């Protein structure tokens, strides 16, 4: 039977697109309310009270939420930074995100964006972190409006980092509530009462460090404090303990401890942000709790080997050296 031109056209139109690329995954939202321009100097020795001539420092957009987005971007995960920016460094902040290929939804504010400085020497890292400037009440509402608009199309919503002065007490909880309303997991990395409110609002996971955990719950035992915090909500508390590893604690009190089998030398700045990025990816993939804990510990360790916060060394070499054990 002869094939007409119309027949051929129909055959082409219904042929499956076998080689069509898969659509990109939905982004992970990274909310940071106190962003910064991060400056890092690496030198042989820091001598207080003297002048130092140094090579040009590494400078880029930072803040914990931005660092989380950078690590995710490094691993092929689309991320969107949501942050207030203003003042003389605003142009630098936007330019660096654009140059890095990181998507962003920024609220322009009158408050100047802060700066942080890390001085890395073989003896350790010295950090000079500006506190930030209070935002106007309308700025907070504009930030929440963006979160609510973007959350339904996201895979995970992350809220992390220090908070500027006079942050509304329920802000982080409002971010969590926006994620819950959209049916999306929420991860929070803050301290104090903001952390407790986020847990009570239904955060899927929180990742305080030891200081933030004690600031929220008091006491001196991180396991006890993490158990008390987890009992206030329905999610998991991942408590980072520096060289002592990380805890994962469920609301019913069950707990696990993960730790690298050796201590790494390097720059620990940004290790907690790498752990949050790992949790966001793992939770988005539906990984088990132990997989989440192992990945967070490996990425956090790999961040120590990187020269600047917001990037990590290859965690594949470290993953087999993570030891996880149940507690109790």
C-alpha atoms as a PDB file:
ATOM      1  CA  UNK A   1       0.000   0.000   0.000  1.00  0.00           C
ATOM      2  CA  UNK A   2       1.352   3.445  -0.882  1.00  0.00           C
ATOM      3  CA  UNK A   3       2.147   5.830   1.966  1.00  0.00           C
ATOM      4  CA  UNK A   4       0.878   9.373   1.551  1.00  0.00           C
ATOM      5  CA  UNK A   5       2.534  12.482   2.877  1.00  0.00           C
ATOM      6  CA  UNK A   6      -0.288  12.829   5.424  1.00  0.00           C
ATOM      7  CA  UNK A   7       0.334   9.273   6.654  1.00  0.00           C
ATOM      8  CA  UNK A   8       4.022  10.017   7.128  1.00  0.00           C
ATOM      9  CA  UNK A   9       3.260  13.205   9.014  1.00  0.00           C
ATOM     10  CA  UNK A  10       0.882  11.359  11.326  1.00  0.00           C
ATOM     11  CA  UNK A  11       3.487   8.666  11.966  1.00  0.00           C
ATOM     12  CA  UNK A  12       6.043  11.275  12.933  1.00  0.00           C
ATOM     13  CA  UNK A  13       3.615  13.090  15.207  1.00  0.00           C
ATOM     14  CA  UNK A  14       2.744   9.991  17.255  1.00  0.00           C
ATOM     15  CA  UNK A  15       6.234   8.458  17.422  1.00  0.00           C
ATOM     16  CA  UNK A  16       7.496   8.348  21.044  1.00  0.00           C
ATOM     17  CA  UNK A  17      10.254  10.786  21.867  1.00  0.00           C
ATOM     18  CA  UNK A  18      12.601   8.092  23.161  1.00  0.00           C
ATOM     19  CA  UNK A  19      15.573  10.417  23.427  1.00  0.00           C
ATOM     20  CA  UNK A  20      13.743  13.379  24.952  1.00  0.00           C
ATOM     21  CA  UNK A  21      15.588  14.568  28.095  1.00  0.00           C
ATOM     22  CA  UNK A  22      13.878  14.085  31.431  1.00  0.00           C
ATOM     23  CA  UNK A  23      12.494  17.275  32.946  1.00  0.00           C
ATOM     24  CA  UNK A  24      14.725  18.788  35.648  1.00  0.00           C
ATOM     25  CA  UNK A  25      13.750  18.030  39.245  1.00  0.00           C
ATOM     26  CA  UNK A  26      11.828  20.611  41.217  1.00  0.00           C
ATOM     27  CA  UNK A  27      14.047  23.065  43.104  1.00  0.00           C
ATOM     28  CA  UNK A  28      14.911  23.151  46.789  1.00  0.00           C
ATOM     29  CA  UNK A  29      14.077  26.514  48.365  1.00  0.00           C
ATOM     30  CA  UNK A  30      16.833  27.973  50.552  1.00  0.00           C
ATOM     31  CA  UNK A  31      15.565  30.772  52.785  1.00  0.00           C
ATOM     32  CA  UNK A  32      18.242  32.866  54.475  1.00  0.00           C
ATOM     33  CA  UNK A  33      17.130  35.966  56.354  1.00  0.00           C
ATOM     34  CA  UNK A  34      20.597  37.288  57.222  1.00  0.00           C
ATOM     35  CA  UNK A  35      22.687  36.874  54.044  1.00  0.00           C
ATOM     36  CA  UNK A  36      26.219  38.199  53.741  1.00  0.00           C
ATOM     37  CA  UNK A  37      29.180  38.775  51.534  1.00  0.00           C
ATOM     38  CA  UNK A  38      31.655  36.152  52.770  1.00  0.00           C
ATOM     39  CA  UNK A  39      35.354  37.013  52.621  1.00  0.00           C
ATOM     40  CA  UNK A  40      37.961  34.326  53.302  1.00  0.00           C
ATOM     41  CA  UNK A  41      41.704  34.915  53.840  1.00  0.00           C
ATOM     42  CA  UNK A  42      44.160  32.026  54.068  1.00  0.00           C
ATOM     43  CA  UNK A  43      47.522  32.785  55.692  1.00  0.00           C
ATOM     44  CA  UNK A  44      50.379  31.069  57.492  1.00  0.00           C
ATOM     45  CA  UNK A  45      49.948  32.848  60.798  1.00  0.00           C
ATOM     46  CA  UNK A  46      47.642  35.380  62.436  1.00  0.00           C
ATOM     47  CA  UNK A  47      49.503  37.807  64.706  1.00  0.00           C
ATOM     48  CA  UNK A  48      47.048  39.962  66.691  1.00  0.00           C
ATOM     49  CA  UNK A  49      47.972  43.607  66.979  1.00  0.00           C
ATOM     50  CA  UNK A  50      50.122  43.634  63.825  1.00  0.00           C
ATOM     51  CA  UNK A  51      49.596  44.371  60.133  1.00  0.00           C
ATOM     52  CA  UNK A  52      49.468  41.546  57.592  1.00  0.00           C
ATOM     53  CA  UNK A  53      50.010  41.736  53.859  1.00  0.00           C
ATOM     54  CA  UNK A  54      47.809  39.044  52.333  1.00  0.00           C
ATOM     55  CA  UNK A  55      46.820  37.765  48.942  1.00  0.00           C
ATOM     56  CA  UNK A  56      43.400  38.812  47.663  1.00  0.00           C
ATOM     57  CA  UNK A  57      40.701  37.078  49.694  1.00  0.00           C
ATOM     58  CA  UNK A  58      37.979  34.914  48.237  1.00  0.00           C
ATOM     59  CA  UNK A  59      34.752  36.909  48.217  1.00  0.00           C
ATOM     60  CA  UNK A  60      31.247  35.742  47.356  1.00  0.00           C
ATOM     61  CA  UNK A  61      27.597  35.795  48.357  1.00  0.00           C
ATOM     62  CA  UNK A  62      27.045  33.893  51.558  1.00  0.00           C
ATOM     63  CA  UNK A  63      24.919  33.269  54.577  1.00  0.00           C
ATOM     64  CA  UNK A  64      23.879  29.764  55.593  1.00  0.00           C
ATOM     65  CA  UNK A  65      20.981  29.439  53.158  1.00  0.00           C
ATOM     66  CA  UNK A  66      23.181  30.582  50.284  1.00  0.00           C
ATOM     67  CA  UNK A  67      25.865  28.079  51.292  1.00  0.00           C
ATOM     68  CA  UNK A  68      23.252  25.316  51.330  1.00  0.00           C
ATOM     69  CA  UNK A  69      22.177  26.312  47.819  1.00  0.00           C
ATOM     70  CA  UNK A  70      25.795  26.317  46.616  1.00  0.00           C
ATOM     71  CA  UNK A  71      26.451  22.795  47.857  1.00  0.00           C
ATOM     72  CA  UNK A  72      23.219  21.554  46.295  1.00  0.00           C
ATOM     73  CA  UNK A  73      24.107  23.286  43.010  1.00  0.00           C
ATOM     74  CA  UNK A  74      27.542  21.629  43.114  1.00  0.00           C
ATOM     75  CA  UNK A  75      25.751  18.269  43.206  1.00  0.00           C
ATOM     76  CA  UNK A  76      23.389  19.034  40.352  1.00  0.00           C
ATOM     77  CA  UNK A  77      20.403  19.892  42.527  1.00  0.00           C
ATOM     78  CA  UNK A  78      18.440  22.991  41.440  1.00  0.00           C
ATOM     79  CA  UNK A  79      18.044  25.451  44.287  1.00  0.00           C
ATOM     80  CA  UNK A  80      16.467  28.873  44.706  1.00  0.00           C
ATOM     81  CA  UNK A  81      17.837  31.390  47.207  1.00  0.00           C
ATOM     82  CA  UNK A  82      15.199  33.526  48.932  1.00  0.00           C
ATOM     83  CA  UNK A  83      16.742  36.408  50.879  1.00  0.00           C
ATOM     84  CA  UNK A  84      16.572  40.135  51.676  1.00  0.00           C
ATOM     85  CA  UNK A  85      19.442  42.178  50.236  1.00  0.00           C
ATOM     86  CA  UNK A  86      20.332  45.862  50.413  1.00  0.00           C
ATOM     87  CA  UNK A  87      23.025  48.472  50.781  1.00  0.00           C
ATOM     88  CA  UNK A  88      26.341  48.861  48.963  1.00  0.00           C
ATOM     89  CA  UNK A  89      27.082  45.128  48.613  1.00  0.00           C
ATOM     90  CA  UNK A  90      23.725  44.285  47.018  1.00  0.00           C
ATOM     91  CA  UNK A  91      25.125  44.468  43.481  1.00  0.00           C
ATOM     92  CA  UNK A  92      28.027  42.187  44.416  1.00  0.00           C
ATOM     93  CA  UNK A  93      25.626  39.720  46.013  1.00  0.00           C
ATOM     94  CA  UNK A  94      23.360  39.505  42.969  1.00  0.00           C
ATOM     95  CA  UNK A  95      26.279  39.395  40.531  1.00  0.00           C
ATOM     96  CA  UNK A  96      27.894  36.486  42.362  1.00  0.00           C
ATOM     97  CA  UNK A  97      24.695  34.422  42.436  1.00  0.00           C
ATOM     98  CA  UNK A  98      24.162  35.056  38.734  1.00  0.00           C
ATOM     99  CA  UNK A  99      27.766  34.167  37.941  1.00  0.00           C
ATOM    100  CA  UNK A 100      27.422  30.976  39.990  1.00  0.00           C
ATOM    101  CA  UNK A 101      24.266  29.966  38.148  1.00  0.00           C
ATOM    102  CA  UNK A 102      22.156  29.892  41.317  1.00  0.00           C
ATOM    103  CA  UNK A 103      18.539  30.990  40.920  1.00  0.00           C
ATOM    104  CA  UNK A 104      17.232  33.537  43.370  1.00  0.00           C
ATOM    105  CA  UNK A 105      14.148  35.460  44.484  1.00  0.00           C
ATOM    106  CA  UNK A 106      15.456  38.452  46.423  1.00  0.00           C
ATOM    107  CA  UNK A 107      13.638  41.146  48.372  1.00  0.00           C
ATOM    108  CA  UNK A 108      15.317  44.540  48.064  1.00  0.00           C
ATOM    109  CA  UNK A 109      15.447  46.176  51.494  1.00  0.00           C
ATOM    110  CA  UNK A 110      16.862  49.346  53.049  1.00  0.00           C
ATOM    111  CA  UNK A 111      18.920  47.421  55.621  1.00  0.00           C
ATOM    112  CA  UNK A 112      22.504  46.932  54.361  1.00  0.00           C
ATOM    113  CA  UNK A 113      23.564  43.344  53.775  1.00  0.00           C
ATOM    114  CA  UNK A 114      26.268  42.332  56.226  1.00  0.00           C
ATOM    115  CA  UNK A 115      29.782  41.006  55.668  1.00  0.00           C
ATOM    116  CA  UNK A 116      31.607  38.100  57.273  1.00  0.00           C
ATOM    117  CA  UNK A 117      35.349  37.451  57.311  1.00  0.00           C
ATOM    118  CA  UNK A 118      37.069  34.099  57.875  1.00  0.00           C
ATOM    119  CA  UNK A 119      40.820  34.047  58.543  1.00  0.00           C
ATOM    120  CA  UNK A 120      42.148  30.529  57.974  1.00  0.00           C
ATOM    121  CA  UNK A 121      45.534  29.508  59.400  1.00  0.00           C
ATOM    122  CA  UNK A 122      47.088  26.123  60.244  1.00  0.00           C
ATOM    123  CA  UNK A 123      46.207  26.837  63.882  1.00  0.00           C
ATOM    124  CA  UNK A 124      42.498  27.246  63.136  1.00  0.00           C
ATOM    125  CA  UNK A 125      39.888  29.572  61.650  1.00  0.00           C
ATOM    126  CA  UNK A 126      39.006  32.996  63.086  1.00  0.00           C
ATOM    127  CA  UNK A 127      35.584  34.330  62.054  1.00  0.00           C
ATOM    128  CA  UNK A 128      34.402  37.944  62.179  1.00  0.00           C
ATOM    129  CA  UNK A 129      30.656  37.900  61.572  1.00  0.00           C
ATOM    130  CA  UNK A 130      28.630  41.102  61.460  1.00  0.00           C
ATOM    131  CA  UNK A 131      25.282  40.708  63.211  1.00  0.00           C
ATOM    132  CA  UNK A 132      23.185  42.278  60.485  1.00  0.00           C
ATOM    133  CA  UNK A 133      20.607  45.070  60.603  1.00  0.00           C
ATOM    134  CA  UNK A 134      16.910  44.834  61.481  1.00  0.00           C
ATOM    135  CA  UNK A 135      14.455  44.589  58.596  1.00  0.00           C
ATOM    136  CA  UNK A 136      11.232  46.564  58.273  1.00  0.00           C
ATOM    137  CA  UNK A 137       7.983  44.715  59.131  1.00  0.00           C
ATOM    138  CA  UNK A 138       6.892  44.818  55.488  1.00  0.00           C
ATOM    139  CA  UNK A 139      10.125  43.087  54.463  1.00  0.00           C
ATOM    140  CA  UNK A 140       9.216  40.010  56.505  1.00  0.00           C
ATOM    141  CA  UNK A 141       5.804  39.808  54.871  1.00  0.00           C
ATOM    142  CA  UNK A 142       7.349  40.073  51.415  1.00  0.00           C
ATOM    143  CA  UNK A 143       9.749  37.239  52.208  1.00  0.00           C
ATOM    144  CA  UNK A 144       6.918  35.012  53.435  1.00  0.00           C
ATOM    145  CA  UNK A 145       4.852  35.839  50.346  1.00  0.00           C
ATOM    146  CA  UNK A 146       7.667  34.530  48.130  1.00  0.00           C
ATOM    147  CA  UNK A 147       8.010  31.353  50.208  1.00  0.00           C
ATOM    148  CA  UNK A 148       4.273  30.693  49.997  1.00  0.00           C
ATOM    149  CA  UNK A 149       4.266  31.287  46.254  1.00  0.00           C
ATOM    150  CA  UNK A 150       7.284  29.063  45.549  1.00  0.00           C
ATOM    151  CA  UNK A 151       6.682  26.215  48.029  1.00  0.00           C
ATOM    152  CA  UNK A 152       4.063  24.282  46.009  1.00  0.00           C
ATOM    153  CA  UNK A 153       6.546  23.837  43.129  1.00  0.00           C
ATOM    154  CA  UNK A 154       9.503  22.939  45.384  1.00  0.00           C
ATOM    155  CA  UNK A 155      10.700  19.563  46.636  1.00  0.00           C
ATOM    156  CA  UNK A 156      11.949  20.788  50.023  1.00  0.00           C
ATOM    157  CA  UNK A 157      11.904  24.109  51.873  1.00  0.00           C
ATOM    158  CA  UNK A 158      15.001  24.990  53.918  1.00  0.00           C
ATOM    159  CA  UNK A 159      15.262  27.870  56.405  1.00  0.00           C
ATOM    160  CA  UNK A 160      18.726  28.305  57.855  1.00  0.00           C
ATOM    161  CA  UNK A 161      21.190  30.771  59.266  1.00  0.00           C
ATOM    162  CA  UNK A 162      21.492  33.477  61.845  1.00  0.00           C
ATOM    163  CA  UNK A 163      18.648  35.945  62.131  1.00  0.00           C
ATOM    164  CA  UNK A 164      18.903  39.741  62.025  1.00  0.00           C
ATOM    165  CA  UNK A 165      17.903  41.747  65.106  1.00  0.00           C
ATOM    166  CA  UNK A 166      14.183  41.987  65.869  1.00  0.00           C
ATOM    167  CA  UNK A 167      13.211  38.994  63.721  1.00  0.00           C
ATOM    168  CA  UNK A 168       9.549  38.138  64.430  1.00  0.00           C
ATOM    169  CA  UNK A 169       9.508  35.219  66.850  1.00  0.00           C
ATOM    170  CA  UNK A 170       7.285  33.097  64.638  1.00  0.00           C
ATOM    171  CA  UNK A 171       9.045  33.702  61.329  1.00  0.00           C
ATOM    172  CA  UNK A 172      10.754  30.305  60.983  1.00  0.00           C
ATOM    173  CA  UNK A 173       7.559  28.601  62.107  1.00  0.00           C
ATOM    174  CA  UNK A 174       5.706  30.516  59.375  1.00  0.00           C
ATOM    175  CA  UNK A 175       8.159  29.168  56.796  1.00  0.00           C
ATOM    176  CA  UNK A 176       7.511  25.652  58.082  1.00  0.00           C
ATOM    177  CA  UNK A 177       3.749  26.224  57.972  1.00  0.00           C
ATOM    178  CA  UNK A 178       4.013  27.396  54.353  1.00  0.00           C
ATOM    179  CA  UNK A 179       5.868  24.195  53.459  1.00  0.00           C
ATOM    180  CA  UNK A 180       3.381  22.011  55.345  1.00  0.00           C
ATOM    181  CA  UNK A 181       0.446  23.747  53.651  1.00  0.00           C
ATOM    182  CA  UNK A 182       2.046  22.975  50.279  1.00  0.00           C
ATOM    183  CA  UNK A 183       2.683  19.356  51.267  1.00  0.00           C
ATOM    184  CA  UNK A 184       6.453  19.779  51.215  1.00  0.00           C
ATOM    185  CA  UNK A 185       9.146  18.772  53.755  1.00  0.00           C
ATOM    186  CA  UNK A 186      10.703  21.579  55.793  1.00  0.00           C
ATOM    187  CA  UNK A 187      14.229  21.681  57.224  1.00  0.00           C
ATOM    188  CA  UNK A 188      15.276  24.360  59.723  1.00  0.00           C
ATOM    189  CA  UNK A 189      18.753  25.256  60.976  1.00  0.00           C
ATOM    190  CA  UNK A 190      18.443  28.049  63.548  1.00  0.00           C
ATOM    191  CA  UNK A 191      18.743  28.356  67.315  1.00  0.00           C
ATOM    192  CA  UNK A 192      16.829  29.546  70.354  1.00  0.00           C
ATOM    193  CA  UNK A 193      13.067  29.911  70.519  1.00  0.00           C
ATOM    194  CA  UNK A 194      12.865  30.107  66.721  1.00  0.00           C
ATOM    195  CA  UNK A 195      14.079  26.501  66.661  1.00  0.00           C
ATOM    196  CA  UNK A 196      11.471  25.313  69.148  1.00  0.00           C
ATOM    197  CA  UNK A 197       8.669  27.114  67.317  1.00  0.00           C
ATOM    198  CA  UNK A 198       9.787  25.515  64.030  1.00  0.00           C
ATOM    199  CA  UNK A 199       9.728  22.054  65.632  1.00  0.00           C
ATOM    200  CA  UNK A 200       6.243  22.617  67.012  1.00  0.00           C
ATOM    201  CA  UNK A 201       5.047  23.885  63.615  1.00  0.00           C
ATOM    202  CA  UNK A 202       5.848  20.514  62.056  1.00  0.00           C
ATOM    203  CA  UNK A 203       9.391  20.742  60.679  1.00  0.00           C
ATOM    204  CA  UNK A 204      10.456  17.505  59.013  1.00  0.00           C
ATOM    205  CA  UNK A 205      13.996  17.952  60.318  1.00  0.00           C
ATOM    206  CA  UNK A 206      16.006  20.492  62.280  1.00  0.00           C
ATOM    207  CA  UNK A 207      19.800  20.654  62.468  1.00  0.00           C
ATOM    208  CA  UNK A 208      21.074  22.685  65.408  1.00  0.00           C
ATOM    209  CA  UNK A 209      24.696  22.618  66.447  1.00  0.00           C
ATOM    210  CA  UNK A 210      25.614  22.053  70.069  1.00  0.00           C
ATOM    211  CA  UNK A 211      25.459  25.766  70.953  1.00  0.00           C
ATOM    212  CA  UNK A 212      22.072  26.263  69.245  1.00  0.00           C
ATOM    213  CA  UNK A 213      20.688  23.155  70.904  1.00  0.00           C
ATOM    214  CA  UNK A 214      21.656  24.298  74.395  1.00  0.00           C
ATOM    215  CA  UNK A 215      20.462  27.815  73.609  1.00  0.00           C
ATOM    216  CA  UNK A 216      17.027  26.391  72.859  1.00  0.00           C
ATOM    217  CA  UNK A 217      16.772  23.687  75.514  1.00  0.00           C
ATOM    218  CA  UNK A 218      19.367  24.432  78.192  1.00  0.00           C
ATOM    219  CA  UNK A 219      21.384  21.702  79.886  1.00  0.00           C
ATOM    220  CA  UNK A 220      24.811  20.292  79.087  1.00  0.00           C
ATOM    221  CA  UNK A 221      24.013  16.878  77.576  1.00  0.00           C
ATOM    222  CA  UNK A 222      23.358  17.129  73.813  1.00  0.00           C
ATOM    223  CA  UNK A 223      21.534  13.797  73.636  1.00  0.00           C
ATOM    224  CA  UNK A 224      19.156  14.739  76.441  1.00  0.00           C
ATOM    225  CA  UNK A 225      18.550  18.179  74.918  1.00  0.00           C
ATOM    226  CA  UNK A 226      17.940  16.686  71.462  1.00  0.00           C
ATOM    227  CA  UNK A 227      15.466  14.184  72.898  1.00  0.00           C
ATOM    228  CA  UNK A 228      13.570  16.939  74.705  1.00  0.00           C
ATOM    229  CA  UNK A 229      13.454  19.030  71.534  1.00  0.00           C
ATOM    230  CA  UNK A 230      12.361  16.137  69.316  1.00  0.00           C
ATOM    231  CA  UNK A 231       9.550  15.311  71.742  1.00  0.00           C
ATOM    232  CA  UNK A 232       7.997  18.718  71.039  1.00  0.00           C
ATOM    233  CA  UNK A 233       7.341  17.905  67.376  1.00  0.00           C
ATOM    234  CA  UNK A 234       6.941  15.179  64.786  1.00  0.00           C
ATOM    235  CA  UNK A 235      10.247  15.387  62.898  1.00  0.00           C
ATOM    236  CA  UNK A 236      13.876  14.416  63.412  1.00  0.00           C
ATOM    237  CA  UNK A 237      16.504  16.394  65.312  1.00  0.00           C
ATOM    238  CA  UNK A 238      19.943  16.164  63.692  1.00  0.00           C
ATOM    239  CA  UNK A 239      22.387  17.666  66.184  1.00  0.00           C
ATOM    240  CA  UNK A 240      25.885  18.376  64.869  1.00  0.00           C
ATOM    241  CA  UNK A 241      28.644  17.986  67.474  1.00  0.00           C
ATOM    242  CA  UNK A 242      31.735  19.165  65.583  1.00  0.00           C
ATOM    243  CA  UNK A 243      34.494  16.527  65.646  1.00  0.00           C
ATOM    244  CA  UNK A 244      32.257  14.271  67.751  1.00  0.00           C
ATOM    245  CA  UNK A 245      29.950  13.670  64.801  1.00  0.00           C
ATOM    246  CA  UNK A 246      26.175  13.981  64.595  1.00  0.00           C
ATOM    247  CA  UNK A 247      23.100  12.717  66.421  1.00  0.00           C
ATOM    248  CA  UNK A 248      19.752  11.818  64.885  1.00  0.00           C
ATOM    249  CA  UNK A 249      16.884  11.736  67.392  1.00  0.00           C
ATOM    250  CA  UNK A 250      13.229  10.847  66.807  1.00  0.00           C
ATOM    251  CA  UNK A 251      10.247  12.150  68.826  1.00  0.00           C
ATOM    252  CA  UNK A 252       9.934   8.803  70.623  1.00  0.00           C
ATOM    253  CA  UNK A 253      13.496   9.143  71.924  1.00  0.00           C
ATOM    254  CA  UNK A 254      15.210   6.644  69.639  1.00  0.00           C
ATOM    255  CA  UNK A 255      18.622   7.945  68.655  1.00  0.00           C
ATOM    256  CA  UNK A 256      21.637   7.207  66.466  1.00  0.00           C
ATOM    257  CA  UNK A 257      25.173   8.553  66.457  1.00  0.00           C
ATOM    258  CA  UNK A 258      27.307   8.992  63.329  1.00  0.00           C
ATOM    259  CA  UNK A 259      30.985   9.838  63.261  1.00  0.00           C
ATOM    260  CA  UNK A 260      33.904   9.820  60.857  1.00  0.00           C
ATOM    261  CA  UNK A 261      36.602   7.371  61.960  1.00  0.00           C
ATOM    262  CA  UNK A 262      39.273  10.101  62.061  1.00  0.00           C
ATOM    263  CA  UNK A 263      39.528  13.859  62.646  1.00  0.00           C
ATOM    264  CA  UNK A 264      40.105  16.050  59.589  1.00  0.00           C
ATOM    265  CA  UNK A 265      42.312  19.113  59.383  1.00  0.00           C
ATOM    266  CA  UNK A 266      40.838  22.032  57.464  1.00  0.00           C
ATOM    267  CA  UNK A 267      38.294  24.844  57.540  1.00  0.00           C
ATOM    268  CA  UNK A 268      35.117  23.856  59.418  1.00  0.00           C
ATOM    269  CA  UNK A 269      33.245  26.976  58.281  1.00  0.00           C
ATOM    270  CA  UNK A 270      30.231  25.790  56.294  1.00  0.00           C
ATOM    271  CA  UNK A 271      30.277  22.190  57.534  1.00  0.00           C
ATOM    272  CA  UNK A 272      26.824  22.583  59.065  1.00  0.00           C
ATOM    273  CA  UNK A 273      25.481  24.072  55.830  1.00  0.00           C
ATOM    274  CA  UNK A 274      26.798  21.074  53.889  1.00  0.00           C
ATOM    275  CA  UNK A 275      24.990  18.794  56.330  1.00  0.00           C
ATOM    276  CA  UNK A 276      21.724  20.667  55.725  1.00  0.00           C
ATOM    277  CA  UNK A 277      22.219  20.400  51.958  1.00  0.00           C
ATOM    278  CA  UNK A 278      22.765  16.653  52.316  1.00  0.00           C
ATOM    279  CA  UNK A 279      19.603  16.311  54.404  1.00  0.00           C
ATOM    280  CA  UNK A 280      17.595  18.286  51.841  1.00  0.00           C
ATOM    281  CA  UNK A 281      18.754  16.041  49.013  1.00  0.00           C
ATOM    282  CA  UNK A 282      18.291  12.833  50.998  1.00  0.00           C
ATOM    283  CA  UNK A 283      14.823  13.763  52.254  1.00  0.00           C
ATOM    284  CA  UNK A 284      13.792  14.811  48.736  1.00  0.00           C
ATOM    285  CA  UNK A 285      14.861  11.360  47.520  1.00  0.00           C
ATOM    286  CA  UNK A 286      12.957   9.565  50.273  1.00  0.00           C
ATOM    287  CA  UNK A 287      16.123   8.149  51.856  1.00  0.00           C
ATOM    288  CA  UNK A 288      15.957   6.244  55.131  1.00  0.00           C
ATOM    289  CA  UNK A 289      16.865   7.930  58.386  1.00  0.00           C
ATOM    290  CA  UNK A 290      20.250   6.186  58.546  1.00  0.00           C
ATOM    291  CA  UNK A 291      20.969   7.200  54.939  1.00  0.00           C
ATOM    292  CA  UNK A 292      20.074  10.800  55.784  1.00  0.00           C
ATOM    293  CA  UNK A 293      22.387  10.740  58.812  1.00  0.00           C
ATOM    294  CA  UNK A 294      25.256   9.105  56.920  1.00  0.00           C
ATOM    295  CA  UNK A 295      25.036  11.539  54.006  1.00  0.00           C
ATOM    296  CA  UNK A 296      24.833  14.567  56.293  1.00  0.00           C
ATOM    297  CA  UNK A 297      27.902  13.401  58.207  1.00  0.00           C
ATOM    298  CA  UNK A 298      29.888  12.667  55.039  1.00  0.00           C
ATOM    299  CA  UNK A 299      29.047  15.996  53.374  1.00  0.00           C
ATOM    300  CA  UNK A 300      29.754  17.890  56.575  1.00  0.00           C
ATOM    301  CA  UNK A 301      33.162  16.217  56.811  1.00  0.00           C
ATOM    302  CA  UNK A 302      33.875  16.905  53.141  1.00  0.00           C
ATOM    303  CA  UNK A 303      33.196  20.606  53.725  1.00  0.00           C
ATOM    304  CA  UNK A 304      36.134  20.764  56.142  1.00  0.00           C
ATOM    305  CA  UNK A 305      38.436  19.859  53.229  1.00  0.00           C
ATOM    306  CA  UNK A 306      37.139  22.691  51.015  1.00  0.00           C
ATOM    307  CA  UNK A 307      38.755  26.144  51.043  1.00  0.00           C
ATOM    308  CA  UNK A 308      35.538  28.134  51.551  1.00  0.00           C
ATOM    309  CA  UNK A 309      32.029  27.683  52.891  1.00  0.00           C
ATOM    310  CA  UNK A 310      29.534  26.713  50.216  1.00  0.00           C
ATOM    311  CA  UNK A 311      31.622  24.001  48.584  1.00  0.00           C
ATOM    312  CA  UNK A 312      32.760  20.537  49.601  1.00  0.00           C
ATOM    313  CA  UNK A 313      35.365  18.008  48.577  1.00  0.00           C
ATOM    314  CA  UNK A 314      34.214  14.698  47.108  1.00  0.00           C
ATOM    315  CA  UNK A 315      32.335  12.947  49.932  1.00  0.00           C
ATOM    316  CA  UNK A 316      32.526   9.554  48.221  1.00  0.00           C
ATOM    317  CA  UNK A 317      35.926   8.823  49.767  1.00  0.00           C
ATOM    318  CA  UNK A 318      34.620   9.662  53.242  1.00  0.00           C
ATOM    319  CA  UNK A 319      31.277   7.864  53.128  1.00  0.00           C
ATOM    320  CA  UNK A 320      32.734   4.356  53.795  1.00  0.00           C
ATOM    321  CA  UNK A 321      34.474   5.732  56.870  1.00  0.00           C
ATOM    322  CA  UNK A 322      31.262   6.887  58.581  1.00  0.00           C
ATOM    323  CA  UNK A 323      30.297   4.764  61.563  1.00  0.00           C
ATOM    324  CA  UNK A 324      26.640   4.786  62.685  1.00  0.00           C
ATOM    325  CA  UNK A 325      25.459   3.194  65.889  1.00  0.00           C
ATOM    326  CA  UNK A 326      22.099   3.225  67.693  1.00  0.00           C
ATOM    327  CA  UNK A 327      22.044   4.723  71.181  1.00  0.00           C
ATOM    328  CA  UNK A 328      20.277   2.896  73.940  1.00  0.00           C
END
